[in-house]
Amino acid sequence: MVSMRTTRTTVAAVLASAGLLLAGCGGPSAGPTPTSDGPQESGLANFDPCTALSAEQLQAQGIEAPGEPVDQGIGEVGCDFDGQEMVLTLLKADGRNLSYWEERRSNFDKFDKNQVASRQGISGIAAGGMGQGVCRQILEAGGGSIIAQVTYSSDAVQGNDPCAKALEIAQQIEPKLPK
């Protein structure tokens, strides 16, 4: 488990840097968009990424419950879940709908629009991340977005598709998301 912790720490540092890069490249609109009546509360206010998947769903993915709360400091909060081969990070990003992410398309090596059930989404790998075993599935929900990020350990990168796994997990949480 020491190996996984070291890998997780390294990956967390890389992802935090990538997240800051992604968040900082859009000018002043990095947060919720105010309206003429003032800021609107996102429909994600009551959504808890730490309880989005049941213990049974996590266990079926080889992931341990409970998750560990995480705040990336860039408007994305949620939970990290440890597994033998991967770390699953579920995040909510209030006020960051798909338009927000599309404005940052150049910060991704892979940026593919897709659909998860009835929701529009994006499958993405941050710039410099190809082949590193990390992928985000972003779903539009409640005036913002939900992110299911899969990070495979260095021993499990070969033969595993992090984008396919992130999509699979997003399909499990999609029915629980606010419109």
Protein backbone atom coordinates (compact mmCIF):
# COMPACT_ATOMS: atom_id res chain seq x y z
CA MET A 1 0.00 0.00 0.00
CA VAL A 2 3.02 2.29 0.44
CA SER A 3 3.54 2.09 -3.33
CA MET A 4 -0.07 3.13 -3.95
CA ARG A 5 0.21 6.02 -1.46
CA THR A 6 3.41 7.25 -3.15
CA THR A 7 1.79 6.93 -6.56
CA ARG A 8 -1.36 8.63 -5.27
CA THR A 9 0.64 11.52 -3.79
CA THR A 10 2.56 11.99 -7.03
CA VAL A 11 -0.60 11.77 -9.12
CA ALA A 12 -2.41 14.17 -6.78
CA ALA A 13 0.37 16.72 -7.20
CA VAL A 14 0.27 16.37 -10.99
CA LEU A 15 -3.52 16.60 -11.07
CA ALA A 16 -3.59 19.60 -8.76
CA SER A 17 -1.15 21.35 -11.08
CA ALA A 18 -3.22 20.37 -14.12
CA GLY A 19 -6.38 21.50 -12.34
CA LEU A 20 -4.89 24.89 -11.58
CA LEU A 21 -3.82 25.16 -15.20
CA LEU A 22 -7.28 24.18 -16.39
CA ALA A 23 -9.04 26.53 -13.99
CA GLY A 24 -6.76 29.48 -14.69
CA CYS A 25 -7.07 29.53 -18.45
CA GLY A 26 -10.51 30.94 -18.80
CA GLY A 27 -10.19 34.47 -17.53
CA PRO A 28 -12.38 35.82 -14.78
CA SER A 29 -15.26 33.35 -15.29
CA ALA A 30 -13.72 30.54 -13.25
CA GLY A 31 -16.57 30.43 -10.73
CA PRO A 32 -20.34 30.40 -10.87
CA THR A 33 -21.77 32.91 -13.31
CA PRO A 34 -23.65 35.65 -11.49
CA THR A 35 -27.05 36.70 -12.78
CA SER A 36 -28.70 40.07 -12.58
CA ASP A 37 -30.28 38.88 -9.33
CA GLY A 38 -26.90 37.85 -7.86
CA PRO A 39 -25.22 34.43 -7.78
CA GLN A 40 -27.48 31.44 -8.20
CA GLU A 41 -27.15 28.41 -5.97
CA SER A 42 -26.29 25.35 -8.00
CA GLY A 43 -28.54 22.32 -8.06
CA LEU A 44 -25.45 20.45 -6.88
CA ALA A 45 -25.58 22.02 -3.41
CA ASN A 46 -27.16 18.88 -1.91
CA PHE A 47 -25.23 16.33 -4.00
CA ASP A 48 -22.53 14.53 -2.00
CA PRO A 49 -19.86 12.82 -4.15
CA CYS A 50 -18.77 10.84 -1.07
CA THR A 51 -22.10 8.98 -0.98
CA ALA A 52 -22.86 8.86 -4.73
CA LEU A 53 -21.88 5.18 -4.93
CA SER A 54 -22.91 2.53 -2.44
CA ALA A 55 -20.32 0.44 -0.61
CA GLU A 56 -21.40 -2.49 -2.81
CA GLN A 57 -20.88 -0.51 -6.03
CA LEU A 58 -17.45 0.60 -4.86
CA GLN A 59 -16.49 -2.93 -3.81
CA ALA A 60 -17.55 -4.27 -7.23
CA GLN A 61 -15.00 -1.86 -8.75
CA GLY A 62 -12.29 -3.05 -6.35
CA ILE A 63 -12.48 0.20 -4.40
CA GLU A 64 -12.63 0.68 -0.64
CA ALA A 65 -15.28 2.71 1.17
CA PRO A 66 -15.51 5.19 2.73
CA GLY A 67 -13.89 7.85 0.61
CA GLU A 68 -11.57 10.56 1.82
CA PRO A 69 -12.88 14.13 1.34
CA VAL A 70 -10.83 16.22 -1.08
CA ASP A 71 -10.93 19.88 -2.03
CA GLN A 72 -8.72 20.67 -4.99
CA GLY A 73 -8.81 24.36 -4.14
CA ILE A 74 -10.08 25.27 -7.61
CA GLY A 75 -13.82 24.90 -7.14
CA GLU A 76 -13.88 21.10 -7.35
CA VAL A 77 -14.75 19.23 -4.15
CA GLY A 78 -15.52 15.58 -3.52
CA CYS A 79 -13.94 12.33 -2.41
CA ASP A 80 -11.02 10.05 -3.23
CA PHE A 81 -11.60 6.30 -3.02
CA ASP A 82 -8.61 3.93 -2.88
CA GLY A 83 -8.48 0.63 -4.68
CA GLN A 84 -5.87 -2.04 -5.40
CA GLU A 85 -5.30 -0.85 -8.96
CA MET A 86 -6.75 2.65 -9.02
CA VAL A 87 -7.90 5.72 -7.20
CA LEU A 88 -11.38 6.96 -8.03
CA THR A 89 -12.03 10.65 -7.49
CA LEU A 90 -15.62 11.91 -7.61
CA LEU A 91 -15.95 15.69 -7.72
CA LYS A 92 -18.62 18.30 -8.13
CA ALA A 93 -17.90 21.62 -9.77
CA ASP A 94 -20.64 24.13 -9.01
CA GLY A 95 -21.29 26.57 -11.83
CA ARG A 96 -18.97 24.79 -14.26
CA ASN A 97 -21.22 23.47 -16.99
CA LEU A 98 -19.97 21.94 -20.24
CA SER A 99 -19.44 25.39 -21.77
CA TYR A 100 -16.89 26.07 -19.05
CA TRP A 101 -14.96 22.92 -20.00
CA GLU A 102 -15.25 23.59 -23.74
CA GLU A 103 -13.60 26.97 -23.23
CA ARG A 104 -10.63 25.03 -21.81
CA ARG A 105 -10.46 22.41 -24.58
CA SER A 106 -6.86 23.37 -25.37
CA ASN A 107 -5.85 22.18 -21.89
CA PHE A 108 -6.67 18.58 -22.83
CA ASP A 109 -4.78 16.02 -24.91
CA LYS A 110 -8.07 14.14 -25.36
CA PHE A 111 -11.41 15.95 -25.35
CA ASP A 112 -14.34 13.94 -26.70
CA LYS A 113 -17.97 14.94 -26.32
CA ASN A 114 -20.17 12.04 -25.37
CA GLN A 115 -23.43 11.20 -23.67
CA VAL A 116 -24.11 9.29 -20.47
CA ALA A 117 -27.75 8.21 -20.42
CA SER A 118 -29.69 11.46 -20.99
CA ARG A 119 -26.80 13.78 -20.06
CA GLN A 120 -24.21 15.46 -22.21
CA GLY A 121 -20.64 14.82 -21.17
CA ILE A 122 -16.97 15.01 -22.01
CA SER A 123 -14.32 12.35 -21.77
CA GLY A 124 -10.98 14.03 -21.24
CA ILE A 125 -7.31 13.56 -20.51
CA ALA A 126 -5.45 16.65 -19.30
CA ALA A 127 -2.55 17.97 -21.39
CA GLY A 128 0.54 15.87 -20.78
CA GLY A 129 -1.51 13.00 -19.39
CA MET A 130 -1.77 10.62 -22.36
CA GLY A 131 -0.63 7.14 -21.42
CA GLN A 132 -0.46 7.99 -17.70
CA GLY A 133 -3.56 6.02 -16.70
CA VAL A 134 -5.69 9.05 -15.83
CA CYS A 135 -8.99 10.13 -17.41
CA ARG A 136 -11.96 12.29 -16.44
CA GLN A 137 -15.58 11.75 -17.40
CA ILE A 138 -17.38 15.05 -16.96
CA LEU A 139 -21.20 15.17 -16.80
CA GLU A 140 -23.42 18.22 -16.86
CA ALA A 141 -25.70 18.28 -13.81
CA GLY A 142 -27.57 20.80 -11.70
CA GLY A 143 -26.07 23.90 -13.34
CA GLY A 144 -22.53 22.58 -12.92
CA SER A 145 -20.69 19.36 -13.54
CA ILE A 146 -19.79 16.08 -11.91
CA ILE A 147 -16.39 14.55 -12.56
CA ALA A 148 -15.53 10.87 -12.27
CA GLN A 149 -11.76 10.61 -12.52
CA VAL A 150 -9.93 7.31 -12.65
CA THR A 151 -6.21 7.17 -11.87
CA TYR A 152 -4.60 3.77 -12.34
CA SER A 153 -1.53 2.88 -10.32
CA SER A 154 1.67 2.65 -12.35
CA ASP A 155 1.49 -1.16 -12.16
CA ALA A 156 -2.02 -1.21 -13.64
CA VAL A 157 -1.74 1.32 -16.50
CA GLN A 158 -1.00 -1.33 -19.14
CA GLY A 159 -4.11 -3.10 -20.35
CA ASN A 160 -6.60 -0.77 -18.62
CA ASP A 161 -8.51 2.07 -20.25
CA PRO A 162 -9.09 4.81 -17.66
CA CYS A 163 -11.63 6.57 -19.89
CA ALA A 164 -13.76 3.43 -20.26
CA LYS A 165 -13.65 2.90 -16.48
CA ALA A 166 -14.52 6.57 -15.78
CA LEU A 167 -17.48 6.27 -18.17
CA GLU A 168 -18.63 3.06 -16.47
CA ILE A 169 -18.58 4.77 -13.08
CA ALA A 170 -20.33 7.87 -14.44
CA GLN A 171 -23.12 5.62 -15.73
CA GLN A 172 -23.61 4.33 -12.19
CA ILE A 173 -23.94 7.79 -10.62
CA GLU A 174 -25.90 9.46 -13.46
CA PRO A 175 -29.36 8.45 -12.17
CA LYS A 176 -28.58 10.10 -8.80
CA LEU A 177 -27.64 13.48 -10.26
CA PRO A 178 -29.85 16.57 -10.07
CA LYS A 179 -31.20 17.88 -13.38
